[in-house]
Amino acid sequence: MTKRAKSSKSKAKTPRARAKARARRMFPKRGRKTAKRDPLDSFVDAAAHALDLKIEPTWKGAIKTNLEVTLALAALCADFPLPDDAEPAPVFSA
């Protein structure tokens, strides 16, 4: 690019465009390259902390998978429609 073309290009920018470019340089977007963390990972960590459990990193995947299955089965039970005249089962004791 020639010197003349370079100077005419920079003069063509409006004050607002220059201010936006300056703001982008001063305040870059954060977290752009980081992947979002799965909520179940956060839940497993929080539950382990609340129960004062030490979980080895090799077990976290299995715990997360178990929790996914448990939540899926609970959703099936919770979504099952019951008739209006349904009553709780009687309690038997020996």
PDB file of N, CA and C in Angstrom:
ATOM      1  N   MET A   1       0.846  -1.168   0.000  1.00  0.00           N
ATOM      2  CA  MET A   1       0.000   0.000   0.000  1.00  0.00           C
ATOM      3  C   MET A   1       0.894   1.234   0.000  1.00  0.00           C
ATOM      4  N   THR A   2       0.562   2.194  -0.803  1.00  0.00           N
ATOM      5  CA  THR A   2       1.384   3.393  -0.888  1.00  0.00           C
ATOM      6  C   THR A   2       1.107   4.296   0.290  1.00  0.00           C
ATOM      7  N   LYS A   3       2.030   5.248   0.451  1.00  0.00           N
ATOM      8  CA  LYS A   3       1.900   6.175   1.574  1.00  0.00           C
ATOM      9  C   LYS A   3       0.634   7.014   1.441  1.00  0.00           C
ATOM     10  N   ARG A   4       0.357   7.412   0.199  1.00  0.00           N
ATOM     11  CA  ARG A   4      -0.802   8.254  -0.035  1.00  0.00           C
ATOM     12  C   ARG A   4      -2.096   7.481   0.255  1.00  0.00           C
ATOM     13  N   ALA A   5      -2.182   6.242  -0.193  1.00  0.00           N
ATOM     14  CA  ALA A   5      -3.383   5.449   0.040  1.00  0.00           C
ATOM     15  C   ALA A   5      -3.584   5.182   1.526  1.00  0.00           C
ATOM     16  N   LYS A   6      -2.488   4.982   2.221  1.00  0.00           N
ATOM     17  CA  LYS A   6      -2.560   4.722   3.646  1.00  0.00           C
ATOM     18  C   LYS A   6      -3.108   5.935   4.397  1.00  0.00           C
ATOM     19  N   SER A   7      -2.617   7.114   4.059  1.00  0.00           N
ATOM     20  CA  SER A   7      -3.060   8.311   4.772  1.00  0.00           C
ATOM     21  C   SER A   7      -4.495   8.664   4.427  1.00  0.00           C
ATOM     22  N   SER A   8      -4.927   8.430   3.195  1.00  0.00           N
ATOM     23  CA  SER A   8      -6.302   8.755   2.842  1.00  0.00           C
ATOM     24  C   SER A   8      -7.275   7.787   3.505  1.00  0.00           C
ATOM     25  N   LYS A   9      -6.833   6.535   3.702  1.00  0.00           N
ATOM     26  CA  LYS A   9      -7.693   5.562   4.343  1.00  0.00           C
ATOM     27  C   LYS A   9      -7.920   5.918   5.806  1.00  0.00           C
ATOM     28  N   SER A  10      -6.862   6.313   6.514  1.00  0.00           N
ATOM     29  CA  SER A  10      -7.018   6.649   7.925  1.00  0.00           C
ATOM     30  C   SER A  10      -7.837   7.915   8.113  1.00  0.00           C
ATOM     31  N   LYS A  11      -7.783   8.832   7.164  1.00  0.00           N
ATOM     32  CA  LYS A  11      -8.579  10.052   7.271  1.00  0.00           C
ATOM     33  C   LYS A  11     -10.047   9.780   6.982  1.00  0.00           C
ATOM     34  N   ALA A  12     -10.330   8.698   6.256  1.00  0.00           N
ATOM     35  CA  ALA A  12     -11.711   8.405   5.894  1.00  0.00           C
ATOM     36  C   ALA A  12     -12.516   7.897   7.078  1.00  0.00           C
ATOM     37  N   LYS A  13     -11.859   7.434   8.116  1.00  0.00           N
ATOM     38  CA  LYS A  13     -12.589   6.939   9.282  1.00  0.00           C
ATOM     39  C   LYS A  13     -13.280   8.086   9.997  1.00  0.00           C
ATOM     40  N   THR A  14     -14.470   7.802  10.453  1.00  0.00           N
ATOM     41  CA  THR A  14     -15.200   8.810  11.216  1.00  0.00           C
ATOM     42  C   THR A  14     -14.703   8.793  12.655  1.00  0.00           C
ATOM     43  N   PRO A  15     -14.946   9.837  13.385  1.00  0.00           N
ATOM     44  CA  PRO A  15     -14.527   9.852  14.794  1.00  0.00           C
ATOM     45  C   PRO A  15     -15.144   8.699  15.594  1.00  0.00           C
ATOM     46  N   ARG A  16     -16.370   8.342  15.256  1.00  0.00           N
ATOM     47  CA  ARG A  16     -17.021   7.242  15.967  1.00  0.00           C
ATOM     48  C   ARG A  16     -16.315   5.913  15.675  1.00  0.00           C
ATOM     49  N   ALA A  17     -15.930   5.690  14.417  1.00  0.00           N
ATOM     50  CA  ALA A  17     -15.231   4.448  14.060  1.00  0.00           C
ATOM     51  C   ALA A  17     -13.873   4.385  14.738  1.00  0.00           C
ATOM     52  N   ARG A  18     -13.188   5.521  14.835  1.00  0.00           N
ATOM     53  CA  ARG A  18     -11.890   5.545  15.512  1.00  0.00           C
ATOM     54  C   ARG A  18     -12.065   5.248  17.002  1.00  0.00           C
ATOM     55  N   ALA A  19     -13.122   5.779  17.610  1.00  0.00           N
ATOM     56  CA  ALA A  19     -13.370   5.536  19.028  1.00  0.00           C
ATOM     57  C   ALA A  19     -13.693   4.063  19.283  1.00  0.00           C
ATOM     58  N   LYS A  20     -14.474   3.455  18.380  1.00  0.00           N
ATOM     59  CA  LYS A  20     -14.792   2.031  18.538  1.00  0.00           C
ATOM     60  C   LYS A  20     -13.541   1.171  18.410  1.00  0.00           C
ATOM     61  N   ALA A  21     -12.686   1.514  17.455  1.00  0.00           N
ATOM     62  CA  ALA A  21     -11.449   0.753  17.269  1.00  0.00           C
ATOM     63  C   ALA A  21     -10.548   0.897  18.496  1.00  0.00           C
ATOM     64  N   ARG A  22     -10.471   2.079  19.055  1.00  0.00           N
ATOM     65  CA  ARG A  22      -9.666   2.316  20.248  1.00  0.00           C
ATOM     66  C   ARG A  22     -10.226   1.526  21.435  1.00  0.00           C
ATOM     67  N   ALA A  23     -11.541   1.485  21.566  1.00  0.00           N
ATOM     68  CA  ALA A  23     -12.171   0.744  22.662  1.00  0.00           C
ATOM     69  C   ALA A  23     -11.906  -0.759  22.522  1.00  0.00           C
ATOM     70  N   ARG A  24     -11.924  -1.267  21.281  1.00  0.00           N
ATOM     71  CA  ARG A  24     -11.633  -2.687  21.080  1.00  0.00           C
ATOM     72  C   ARG A  24     -10.210  -3.019  21.475  1.00  0.00           C
ATOM     73  N   ARG A  25      -9.291  -2.095  21.217  1.00  0.00           N
ATOM     74  CA  ARG A  25      -7.896  -2.337  21.605  1.00  0.00           C
ATOM     75  C   ARG A  25      -7.730  -2.253  23.117  1.00  0.00           C
ATOM     76  N   MET A  26      -8.438  -1.333  23.756  1.00  0.00           N
ATOM     77  CA  MET A  26      -8.277  -1.133  25.191  1.00  0.00           C
ATOM     78  C   MET A  26      -9.007  -2.189  26.015  1.00  0.00           C
ATOM     79  N   PHE A  27     -10.179  -2.626  25.540  1.00  0.00           N
ATOM     80  CA  PHE A  27     -11.006  -3.557  26.294  1.00  0.00           C
ATOM     81  C   PHE A  27     -11.335  -4.770  25.432  1.00  0.00           C
ATOM     82  N   PRO A  28     -10.399  -5.697  25.297  1.00  0.00           N
ATOM     83  CA  PRO A  28     -10.694  -6.887  24.496  1.00  0.00           C
ATOM     84  C   PRO A  28     -11.750  -7.742  25.167  1.00  0.00           C
ATOM     85  N   LYS A  29     -12.481  -8.499  24.358  1.00  0.00           N
ATOM     86  CA  LYS A  29     -13.517  -9.373  24.909  1.00  0.00           C
ATOM     87  C   LYS A  29     -12.865 -10.492  25.694  1.00  0.00           C
ATOM     88  N   ARG A  30     -13.401 -10.755  26.867  1.00  0.00           N
ATOM     89  CA  ARG A  30     -12.844 -11.799  27.722  1.00  0.00           C
ATOM     90  C   ARG A  30     -13.572 -13.116  27.475  1.00  0.00           C
ATOM     91  N   GLY A  31     -12.846 -14.185  27.700  1.00  0.00           N
ATOM     92  CA  GLY A  31     -13.458 -15.495  27.636  1.00  0.00           C
ATOM     93  C   GLY A  31     -13.827 -15.955  26.241  1.00  0.00           C
ATOM     94  N   ARG A  32     -13.365 -15.296  25.234  1.00  0.00           N
ATOM     95  CA  ARG A  32     -13.738 -15.637  23.881  1.00  0.00           C
ATOM     96  C   ARG A  32     -13.215 -17.016  23.487  1.00  0.00           C
ATOM     97  N   LYS A  33     -12.012 -17.363  23.935  1.00  0.00           N
ATOM     98  CA  LYS A  33     -11.398 -18.616  23.552  1.00  0.00           C
ATOM     99  C   LYS A  33     -11.694 -19.746  24.522  1.00  0.00           C
ATOM    100  N   THR A  34     -12.313 -19.434  25.648  1.00  0.00           N
ATOM    101  CA  THR A  34     -12.589 -20.475  26.635  1.00  0.00           C
ATOM    102  C   THR A  34     -13.930 -21.123  26.333  1.00  0.00           C
ATOM    103  N   ALA A  35     -13.992 -22.419  26.488  1.00  0.00           N
ATOM    104  CA  ALA A  35     -15.236 -23.146  26.266  1.00  0.00           C
ATOM    105  C   ALA A  35     -16.109 -23.026  27.512  1.00  0.00           C
ATOM    106  N   LYS A  36     -17.406 -23.083  27.288  1.00  0.00           N
ATOM    107  CA  LYS A  36     -18.316 -23.030  28.429  1.00  0.00           C
ATOM    108  C   LYS A  36     -18.217 -24.326  29.212  1.00  0.00           C
ATOM    109  N   ARG A  37     -18.305 -24.204  30.499  1.00  0.00           N
ATOM    110  CA  ARG A  37     -18.215 -25.376  31.366  1.00  0.00           C
ATOM    111  C   ARG A  37     -19.594 -26.002  31.490  1.00  0.00           C
ATOM    112  N   ASP A  38     -19.625 -27.316  31.469  1.00  0.00           N
ATOM    113  CA  ASP A  38     -20.875 -28.049  31.594  1.00  0.00           C
ATOM    114  C   ASP A  38     -21.441 -27.843  32.998  1.00  0.00           C
ATOM    115  N   PRO A  39     -22.735 -27.545  33.112  1.00  0.00           N
ATOM    116  CA  PRO A  39     -23.324 -27.334  34.440  1.00  0.00           C
ATOM    117  C   PRO A  39     -23.210 -28.563  35.353  1.00  0.00           C
ATOM    118  N   LEU A  40     -23.211 -29.757  34.767  1.00  0.00           N
ATOM    119  CA  LEU A  40     -23.077 -30.950  35.610  1.00  0.00           C
ATOM    120  C   LEU A  40     -21.700 -31.026  36.254  1.00  0.00           C
ATOM    121  N   ASP A  41     -20.668 -30.553  35.555  1.00  0.00           N
ATOM    122  CA  ASP A  41     -19.336 -30.518  36.163  1.00  0.00           C
ATOM    123  C   ASP A  41     -19.338 -29.605  37.390  1.00  0.00           C
ATOM    124  N   SER A  42     -19.976 -28.459  37.238  1.00  0.00           N
ATOM    125  CA  SER A  42     -20.068 -27.526  38.363  1.00  0.00           C
ATOM    126  C   SER A  42     -20.879 -28.128  39.505  1.00  0.00           C
ATOM    127  N   PHE A  43     -21.952 -28.854  39.151  1.00  0.00           N
ATOM    128  CA  PHE A  43     -22.791 -29.471  40.175  1.00  0.00           C
ATOM    129  C   PHE A  43     -22.027 -30.547  40.936  1.00  0.00           C
ATOM    130  N   VAL A  44     -21.284 -31.377  40.220  1.00  0.00           N
ATOM    131  CA  VAL A  44     -20.501 -32.436  40.871  1.00  0.00           C
ATOM    132  C   VAL A  44     -19.479 -31.811  41.820  1.00  0.00           C
ATOM    133  N   ASP A  45     -18.793 -30.764  41.357  1.00  0.00           N
ATOM    134  CA  ASP A  45     -17.802 -30.096  42.210  1.00  0.00           C
ATOM    135  C   ASP A  45     -18.454 -29.468  43.447  1.00  0.00           C
ATOM    136  N   ALA A  46     -19.617 -28.823  43.245  1.00  0.00           N
ATOM    137  CA  ALA A  46     -20.294 -28.170  44.364  1.00  0.00           C
ATOM    138  C   ALA A  46     -20.819 -29.198  45.371  1.00  0.00           C
ATOM    139  N   ALA A  47     -21.372 -30.302  44.864  1.00  0.00           N
ATOM    140  CA  ALA A  47     -21.884 -31.335  45.765  1.00  0.00           C
ATOM    141  C   ALA A  47     -20.751 -31.990  46.543  1.00  0.00           C
ATOM    142  N   ALA A  48     -19.635 -32.232  45.877  1.00  0.00           N
ATOM    143  CA  ALA A  48     -18.487 -32.823  46.573  1.00  0.00           C
ATOM    144  C   ALA A  48     -17.977 -31.876  47.655  1.00  0.00           C
ATOM    145  N   HIS A  49     -17.964 -30.590  47.349  1.00  0.00           N
ATOM    146  CA  HIS A  49     -17.513 -29.612  48.338  1.00  0.00           C
ATOM    147  C   HIS A  49     -18.497 -29.546  49.513  1.00  0.00           C
ATOM    148  N   ALA A  50     -19.805 -29.562  49.214  1.00  0.00           N
ATOM    149  CA  ALA A  50     -20.814 -29.479  50.274  1.00  0.00           C
ATOM    150  C   ALA A  50     -20.775 -30.705  51.181  1.00  0.00           C
ATOM    151  N   LEU A  51     -20.475 -31.856  50.604  1.00  0.00           N
ATOM    152  CA  LEU A  51     -20.419 -33.095  51.392  1.00  0.00           C
ATOM    153  C   LEU A  51     -19.021 -33.402  51.914  1.00  0.00           C
ATOM    154  N   ASP A  52     -18.097 -32.521  51.630  1.00  0.00           N
ATOM    155  CA  ASP A  52     -16.700 -32.663  52.039  1.00  0.00           C
ATOM    156  C   ASP A  52     -16.114 -33.994  51.544  1.00  0.00           C
ATOM    157  N   LEU A  53     -16.352 -34.260  50.233  1.00  0.00           N
ATOM    158  CA  LEU A  53     -15.829 -35.471  49.609  1.00  0.00           C
ATOM    159  C   LEU A  53     -14.633 -35.117  48.736  1.00  0.00           C
ATOM    160  N   LYS A  54     -13.681 -35.984  48.729  1.00  0.00           N
ATOM    161  CA  LYS A  54     -12.527 -35.823  47.848  1.00  0.00           C
ATOM    162  C   LYS A  54     -12.747 -36.755  46.648  1.00  0.00           C
ATOM    163  N   ILE A  55     -12.925 -36.191  45.471  1.00  0.00           N
ATOM    164  CA  ILE A  55     -13.165 -36.989  44.267  1.00  0.00           C
ATOM    165  C   ILE A  55     -11.914 -36.962  43.399  1.00  0.00           C
ATOM    166  N   GLU A  56     -11.449 -38.145  43.041  1.00  0.00           N
ATOM    167  CA  GLU A  56     -10.302 -38.232  42.154  1.00  0.00           C
ATOM    168  C   GLU A  56     -10.738 -37.817  40.749  1.00  0.00           C
ATOM    169  N   PRO A  57      -9.879 -37.111  40.025  1.00  0.00           N
ATOM    170  CA  PRO A  57     -10.244 -36.656  38.672  1.00  0.00           C
ATOM    171  C   PRO A  57     -10.628 -37.787  37.722  1.00  0.00           C
ATOM    172  N   THR A  58     -10.068 -38.982  37.922  1.00  0.00           N
ATOM    173  CA  THR A  58     -10.400 -40.094  37.032  1.00  0.00           C
ATOM    174  C   THR A  58     -11.836 -40.561  37.207  1.00  0.00           C
ATOM    175  N   TRP A  59     -12.451 -40.284  38.350  1.00  0.00           N
ATOM    176  CA  TRP A  59     -13.820 -40.709  38.616  1.00  0.00           C
ATOM    177  C   TRP A  59     -14.863 -39.685  38.201  1.00  0.00           C
ATOM    178  N   LYS A  60     -14.466 -38.476  37.909  1.00  0.00           N
ATOM    179  CA  LYS A  60     -15.450 -37.421  37.612  1.00  0.00           C
ATOM    180  C   LYS A  60     -16.297 -37.741  36.388  1.00  0.00           C
ATOM    181  N   GLY A  61     -15.720 -38.354  35.375  1.00  0.00           N
ATOM    182  CA  GLY A  61     -16.489 -38.715  34.178  1.00  0.00           C
ATOM    183  C   GLY A  61     -17.574 -39.732  34.486  1.00  0.00           C
ATOM    184  N   ALA A  62     -17.239 -40.745  35.280  1.00  0.00           N
ATOM    185  CA  ALA A  62     -18.218 -41.765  35.649  1.00  0.00           C
ATOM    186  C   ALA A  62     -19.318 -41.175  36.527  1.00  0.00           C
ATOM    187  N   ILE A  63     -18.946 -40.294  37.429  1.00  0.00           N
ATOM    188  CA  ILE A  63     -19.943 -39.653  38.302  1.00  0.00           C
ATOM    189  C   ILE A  63     -20.891 -38.799  37.473  1.00  0.00           C
ATOM    190  N   LYS A  64     -20.346 -38.066  36.521  1.00  0.00           N
ATOM    191  CA  LYS A  64     -21.166 -37.210  35.663  1.00  0.00           C
ATOM    192  C   LYS A  64     -22.118 -38.059  34.814  1.00  0.00           C
ATOM    193  N   THR A  65     -21.639 -39.173  34.263  1.00  0.00           N
ATOM    194  CA  THR A  65     -22.490 -40.049  33.458  1.00  0.00           C
ATOM    195  C   THR A  65     -23.613 -40.637  34.307  1.00  0.00           C
ATOM    196  N   ASN A  66     -23.298 -41.078  35.515  1.00  0.00           N
ATOM    197  CA  ASN A  66     -24.306 -41.611  36.421  1.00  0.00           C
ATOM    198  C   ASN A  66     -25.351 -40.545  36.738  1.00  0.00           C
ATOM    199  N   LEU A  67     -24.911 -39.341  36.969  1.00  0.00           N
ATOM    200  CA  LEU A  67     -25.841 -38.252  37.270  1.00  0.00           C
ATOM    201  C   LEU A  67     -26.731 -37.938  36.072  1.00  0.00           C
ATOM    202  N   GLU A  68     -26.182 -37.979  34.859  1.00  0.00           N
ATOM    203  CA  GLU A  68     -26.991 -37.743  33.650  1.00  0.00           C
ATOM    204  C   GLU A  68     -28.095 -38.785  33.520  1.00  0.00           C
ATOM    205  N   VAL A  69     -27.763 -40.063  33.746  1.00  0.00           N
ATOM    206  CA  VAL A  69     -28.757 -41.132  33.661  1.00  0.00           C
ATOM    207  C   VAL A  69     -29.811 -40.953  34.748  1.00  0.00           C
ATOM    208  N   THR A  70     -29.395 -40.660  35.952  1.00  0.00           N
ATOM    209  CA  THR A  70     -30.327 -40.464  37.065  1.00  0.00           C
ATOM    210  C   THR A  70     -31.291 -39.312  36.782  1.00  0.00           C
ATOM    211  N   LEU A  71     -30.779 -38.208  36.269  1.00  0.00           N
ATOM    212  CA  LEU A  71     -31.638 -37.059  35.963  1.00  0.00           C
ATOM    213  C   LEU A  71     -32.596 -37.362  34.813  1.00  0.00           C
ATOM    214  N   ALA A  72     -32.138 -38.134  33.824  1.00  0.00           N
ATOM    215  CA  ALA A  72     -33.018 -38.509  32.713  1.00  0.00           C
ATOM    216  C   ALA A  72     -34.157 -39.394  33.204  1.00  0.00           C
ATOM    217  N   LEU A  73     -33.857 -40.353  34.085  1.00  0.00           N
ATOM    218  CA  LEU A  73     -34.907 -41.221  34.637  1.00  0.00           C
ATOM    219  C   LEU A  73     -35.862 -40.437  35.537  1.00  0.00           C
ATOM    220  N   ALA A  74     -35.341 -39.501  36.293  1.00  0.00           N
ATOM    221  CA  ALA A  74     -36.193 -38.672  37.146  1.00  0.00           C
ATOM    222  C   ALA A  74     -37.128 -37.805  36.297  1.00  0.00           C
ATOM    223  N   ALA A  75     -36.630 -37.320  35.152  1.00  0.00           N
ATOM    224  CA  ALA A  75     -37.478 -36.518  34.265  1.00  0.00           C
ATOM    225  C   ALA A  75     -38.618 -37.359  33.698  1.00  0.00           C
ATOM    226  N   LEU A  76     -38.345 -38.632  33.382  1.00  0.00           N
ATOM    227  CA  LEU A  76     -39.413 -39.515  32.901  1.00  0.00           C
ATOM    228  C   LEU A  76     -40.498 -39.694  33.957  1.00  0.00           C
ATOM    229  N   CYS A  77     -40.096 -39.879  35.200  1.00  0.00           N
ATOM    230  CA  CYS A  77     -41.076 -40.043  36.283  1.00  0.00           C
ATOM    231  C   CYS A  77     -41.849 -38.756  36.535  1.00  0.00           C
ATOM    232  N   ALA A  78     -41.163 -37.646  36.507  1.00  0.00           N
ATOM    233  CA  ALA A  78     -41.808 -36.365  36.787  1.00  0.00           C
ATOM    234  C   ALA A  78     -42.779 -35.957  35.679  1.00  0.00           C
ATOM    235  N   ASP A  79     -42.497 -36.368  34.441  1.00  0.00           N
ATOM    236  CA  ASP A  79     -43.344 -35.987  33.312  1.00  0.00           C
ATOM    237  C   ASP A  79     -44.512 -36.948  33.082  1.00  0.00           C
ATOM    238  N   PHE A  80     -44.585 -38.036  33.845  1.00  0.00           N
ATOM    239  CA  PHE A  80     -45.651 -39.015  33.658  1.00  0.00           C
ATOM    240  C   PHE A  80     -46.971 -38.422  34.135  1.00  0.00           C
ATOM    241  N   PRO A  81     -47.956 -38.375  33.252  1.00  0.00           N
ATOM    242  CA  PRO A  81     -49.238 -37.775  33.656  1.00  0.00           C
ATOM    243  C   PRO A  81     -50.038 -38.725  34.547  1.00  0.00           C
ATOM    244  N   LEU A  82     -50.576 -38.202  35.605  1.00  0.00           N
ATOM    245  CA  LEU A  82     -51.413 -38.974  36.518  1.00  0.00           C
ATOM    246  C   LEU A  82     -52.859 -38.508  36.382  1.00  0.00           C
ATOM    247  N   PRO A  83     -53.793 -39.435  36.492  1.00  0.00           N
ATOM    248  CA  PRO A  83     -55.195 -38.992  36.455  1.00  0.00           C
ATOM    249  C   PRO A  83     -55.536 -38.194  37.722  1.00  0.00           C
ATOM    250  N   ASP A  84     -56.592 -37.417  37.622  1.00  0.00           N
ATOM    251  CA  ASP A  84     -56.973 -36.570  38.757  1.00  0.00           C
ATOM    252  C   ASP A  84     -57.415 -37.377  39.975  1.00  0.00           C
ATOM    253  N   ASP A  85     -57.942 -38.586  39.766  1.00  0.00           N
ATOM    254  CA  ASP A  85     -58.431 -39.372  40.898  1.00  0.00           C
ATOM    255  C   ASP A  85     -57.365 -40.312  41.465  1.00  0.00           C
ATOM    256  N   ALA A  86     -56.116 -40.149  41.093  1.00  0.00           N
ATOM    257  CA  ALA A  86     -55.036 -40.997  41.603  1.00  0.00           C
ATOM    258  C   ALA A  86     -54.776 -40.684  43.073  1.00  0.00           C
ATOM    259  N   GLU A  87     -54.572 -41.731  43.846  1.00  0.00           N
ATOM    260  CA  GLU A  87     -54.293 -41.570  45.267  1.00  0.00           C
ATOM    261  C   GLU A  87     -52.970 -42.261  45.598  1.00  0.00           C
ATOM    262  N   PRO A  88     -52.313 -41.840  46.674  1.00  0.00           N
ATOM    263  CA  PRO A  88     -51.064 -42.507  47.037  1.00  0.00           C
ATOM    264  C   PRO A  88     -51.303 -43.949  47.452  1.00  0.00           C
ATOM    265  N   ALA A  89     -50.305 -44.771  47.245  1.00  0.00           N
ATOM    266  CA  ALA A  89     -50.420 -46.185  47.621  1.00  0.00           C
ATOM    267  C   ALA A  89     -50.432 -46.302  49.145  1.00  0.00           C
ATOM    268  N   PRO A  90     -51.101 -47.343  49.645  1.00  0.00           N
ATOM    269  CA  PRO A  90     -51.093 -47.533  51.097  1.00  0.00           C
ATOM    270  C   PRO A  90     -49.711 -47.942  51.601  1.00  0.00           C
ATOM    271  N   VAL A  91     -49.456 -47.638  52.832  1.00  0.00           N
ATOM    272  CA  VAL A  91     -48.161 -47.967  53.437  1.00  0.00           C
ATOM    273  C   VAL A  91     -48.322 -49.253  54.227  1.00  0.00           C
ATOM    274  N   PHE A  92     -47.511 -50.244  53.902  1.00  0.00           N
ATOM    275  CA  PHE A  92     -47.532 -51.525  54.630  1.00  0.00           C
ATOM    276  C   PHE A  92     -46.323 -51.569  55.546  1.00  0.00           C
ATOM    277  N   SER A  93     -46.526 -52.039  56.751  1.00  0.00           N
ATOM    278  CA  SER A  93     -45.416 -52.208  57.666  1.00  0.00           C
ATOM    279  C   SER A  93     -45.511 -53.593  58.289  1.00  0.00           C
ATOM    280  N   ALA A  94     -44.384 -54.168  58.574  1.00  0.00           N
ATOM    281  CA  ALA A  94     -44.382 -55.526  59.139  1.00  0.00           C
ATOM    282  C   ALA A  94     -44.134 -55.479  60.619  1.00  0.00           C
TER     283      ALA A  94
END
